[in-house]
Amino acid sequence: VISNKDTMMATYYVSEDVRNTFSVGQQISIEKDGKLYDGEVVEIGRTIDNTTGLFKIKAGIKGDTSGMLSGTKVKITTDTYQAKDALIIPYDAVYYDGLQAYVYKVVEGKAKKTNVTTGLYDVEDIVITEGLNKDDVVITTWSAQLREGVTVSVKEAEQSQE
């Protein structure tokens, strides 16, 4: 919600885990009626708001804000979580035995079950923080016969630039 027409502040609420990723000065993007504005976080709430059960964040909006009115709603976008120099594989290539994540990789033409530690993920990809290196060949297609020690054939794929 936009308030204080003179300094144009946006107030929004986030969960504790998202709040903990924010820092004062963090850049945000504000969208109102298809127009984008730049801004930055100026205040991070330290206590939960009783009404929402979330933490209040305030951000200052930069530039010409003459098209904004106090009390209107906007869409705010910013980075919350990030992983640098990450090893990313398809989400569907990771399996779980209880809480232990594992993948099958190809070692000497055979499937080898390898425990991994995972990080950030979305519906398509997952970050592997431990257990694999960039040269490992991970089996990304599932088969009912996929298990430790089974012989596998590797289909050559185009190299991705990502």
Protein backbone atom coordinates (compact mmCIF):
# COMPACT_ATOMS: atom_id res chain seq x y z
CA VAL A 1 0.00 0.00 0.00
CA ILE A 2 1.31 3.44 -0.99
CA SER A 3 1.37 6.15 1.67
CA ASN A 4 2.84 9.58 2.43
CA LYS A 5 2.64 11.30 -0.97
CA ASP A 6 5.69 13.48 -0.22
CA THR A 7 8.17 10.62 0.21
CA MET A 8 6.15 7.81 -1.44
CA MET A 9 6.56 4.83 0.84
CA ALA A 10 5.31 1.35 0.08
CA THR A 11 4.38 -0.86 3.03
CA TYR A 12 4.10 -4.61 2.68
CA TYR A 13 4.20 -7.69 4.88
CA VAL A 14 6.32 -10.84 4.69
CA SER A 15 6.86 -14.06 6.64
CA GLU A 16 9.74 -14.43 9.09
CA ASP A 17 11.89 -16.54 6.77
CA VAL A 18 11.53 -13.98 3.96
CA ARG A 19 12.09 -11.09 6.41
CA ASN A 20 15.39 -12.65 7.42
CA THR A 21 16.67 -12.42 3.83
CA PHE A 22 16.04 -8.65 3.59
CA SER A 23 18.48 -5.83 4.30
CA VAL A 24 18.05 -2.08 4.46
CA GLY A 25 18.96 -0.66 1.05
CA GLN A 26 17.89 -3.79 -0.79
CA GLN A 27 16.53 -2.93 -4.24
CA ILE A 28 12.88 -3.59 -5.06
CA SER A 29 10.69 -3.12 -8.10
CA ILE A 30 7.20 -1.62 -7.78
CA GLU A 31 4.54 -2.07 -10.44
CA LYS A 32 1.41 0.07 -10.65
CA ASP A 33 -0.92 0.00 -13.68
CA GLY A 34 1.78 -1.55 -15.86
CA LYS A 35 4.40 1.08 -15.01
CA LEU A 36 7.57 0.07 -13.14
CA TYR A 37 9.26 2.08 -10.40
CA ASP A 38 12.51 1.47 -8.56
CA GLY A 39 12.73 1.51 -4.79
CA GLU A 40 14.67 0.26 -1.82
CA VAL A 41 13.92 -1.23 1.58
CA VAL A 42 14.19 1.47 4.25
CA GLU A 43 12.72 -0.30 7.29
CA ILE A 44 12.41 -3.93 8.35
CA GLY A 45 9.94 -4.70 11.12
CA ARG A 46 11.29 -6.40 14.23
CA THR A 47 7.98 -7.62 15.62
CA ILE A 48 5.05 -9.48 14.13
CA ASP A 49 2.07 -7.35 13.16
CA ASN A 50 -0.90 -8.53 15.25
CA THR A 51 -3.35 -8.03 12.39
CA THR A 52 -1.51 -9.94 9.68
CA GLY A 53 0.80 -12.27 11.63
CA LEU A 54 3.62 -11.07 9.36
CA PHE A 55 6.53 -8.62 9.53
CA LYS A 56 6.07 -5.09 8.15
CA ILE A 57 8.52 -3.86 5.52
CA LYS A 58 8.70 -0.26 4.31
CA ALA A 59 10.30 0.77 1.04
CA GLY A 60 10.98 4.17 -0.47
CA ILE A 61 9.99 4.67 -4.09
CA LYS A 62 12.38 6.54 -6.39
CA GLY A 63 11.76 8.69 -9.45
CA ASP A 64 8.63 10.40 -10.74
CA THR A 65 5.79 9.05 -8.62
CA SER A 66 3.18 11.60 -9.75
CA GLY A 67 1.08 8.74 -11.15
CA MET A 68 0.67 7.13 -7.73
CA LEU A 69 -1.97 7.93 -5.17
CA SER A 70 -1.77 7.34 -1.42
CA GLY A 71 -3.64 4.24 -0.29
CA THR A 72 -3.43 2.41 -3.61
CA LYS A 73 -2.14 -1.11 -3.98
CA VAL A 74 0.97 -2.06 -5.95
CA LYS A 75 2.90 -5.19 -6.83
CA ILE A 76 6.37 -5.41 -5.24
CA THR A 77 9.11 -7.71 -6.50
CA THR A 78 12.53 -8.33 -4.96
CA ASP A 79 15.06 -11.10 -4.50
CA THR A 80 14.61 -13.17 -1.37
CA TYR A 81 16.77 -16.26 -1.74
CA GLN A 82 19.72 -16.79 -4.00
CA ALA A 83 22.43 -19.31 -4.68
CA LYS A 84 25.68 -18.37 -6.38
CA ASP A 85 27.85 -20.74 -8.39
CA ALA A 86 25.25 -23.43 -7.78
CA LEU A 87 25.02 -26.94 -9.17
CA ILE A 88 21.45 -27.20 -10.50
CA ILE A 89 19.73 -30.39 -11.68
CA PRO A 90 16.13 -31.20 -12.62
CA TYR A 91 13.90 -31.44 -9.54
CA ASP A 92 12.50 -34.79 -10.74
CA ALA A 93 16.00 -36.35 -10.64
CA VAL A 94 16.05 -36.18 -6.81
CA TYR A 95 14.50 -38.98 -4.74
CA TYR A 96 14.02 -39.28 -0.99
CA ASP A 97 14.49 -42.06 1.52
CA GLY A 98 12.79 -40.51 4.53
CA LEU A 99 14.50 -37.13 4.87
CA GLN A 100 17.65 -38.17 2.97
CA ALA A 101 17.78 -36.86 -0.60
CA TYR A 102 19.62 -38.91 -3.21
CA VAL A 103 20.19 -39.11 -6.95
CA TYR A 104 21.42 -41.79 -9.27
CA LYS A 105 24.56 -40.94 -11.16
CA VAL A 106 26.40 -42.92 -13.80
CA VAL A 107 29.66 -44.51 -12.65
CA GLU A 108 31.42 -46.86 -15.09
CA GLY A 109 28.17 -47.48 -17.01
CA LYS A 110 26.14 -48.37 -13.91
CA ALA A 111 23.65 -46.48 -11.75
CA LYS A 112 25.09 -45.44 -8.40
CA LYS A 113 22.82 -44.17 -5.65
CA THR A 114 24.42 -41.03 -4.22
CA ASN A 115 23.22 -39.12 -1.17
CA VAL A 116 23.02 -35.35 -1.72
CA THR A 117 22.20 -32.24 0.23
CA THR A 118 19.74 -29.92 -1.47
CA GLY A 119 19.20 -26.18 -1.35
CA LEU A 120 16.82 -23.84 -3.13
CA TYR A 121 14.32 -25.36 -5.54
CA ASP A 122 11.32 -24.62 -7.68
CA VAL A 123 8.97 -26.85 -9.69
CA GLU A 124 11.63 -27.52 -12.34
CA ASP A 125 15.09 -27.31 -10.75
CA ILE A 126 16.87 -27.94 -7.46
CA VAL A 127 20.24 -26.80 -6.15
CA ILE A 128 22.63 -29.52 -4.95
CA THR A 129 24.93 -28.17 -2.22
CA GLU A 130 26.78 -31.40 -1.39
CA GLY A 131 27.25 -34.86 -2.87
CA LEU A 132 27.84 -34.06 -6.55
CA ASN A 133 30.35 -32.20 -8.62
CA LYS A 134 29.96 -30.54 -12.01
CA ASP A 135 31.49 -33.49 -13.88
CA ASP A 136 29.05 -36.11 -12.51
CA VAL A 137 26.48 -37.52 -14.92
CA VAL A 138 23.11 -37.60 -13.17
CA ILE A 139 20.31 -39.87 -14.37
CA THR A 140 17.37 -37.59 -15.05
CA THR A 141 14.90 -40.05 -16.57
CA TRP A 142 13.06 -42.46 -14.32
CA SER A 143 12.50 -46.14 -14.99
CA ALA A 144 10.95 -48.86 -12.85
CA GLN A 145 14.27 -50.72 -13.20
CA LEU A 146 16.34 -47.80 -11.88
CA ARG A 147 18.29 -48.99 -8.85
CA GLU A 148 21.85 -49.31 -7.58
CA GLY A 149 24.13 -51.24 -9.94
CA VAL A 150 21.83 -51.52 -12.96
CA THR A 151 23.57 -50.99 -16.32
CA VAL A 152 22.59 -47.71 -17.98
CA SER A 153 23.15 -46.14 -21.35
CA VAL A 154 23.87 -42.45 -21.61
CA LYS A 155 22.11 -40.44 -24.27
CA GLU A 156 24.24 -37.52 -25.42
CA ALA A 157 22.43 -34.21 -24.94
CA GLU A 158 23.18 -30.73 -26.19
CA GLN A 159 25.38 -28.81 -23.79
CA SER A 160 23.49 -26.07 -22.00
CA GLN A 161 25.12 -22.67 -21.60
CA GLU A 162 23.47 -22.11 -18.19
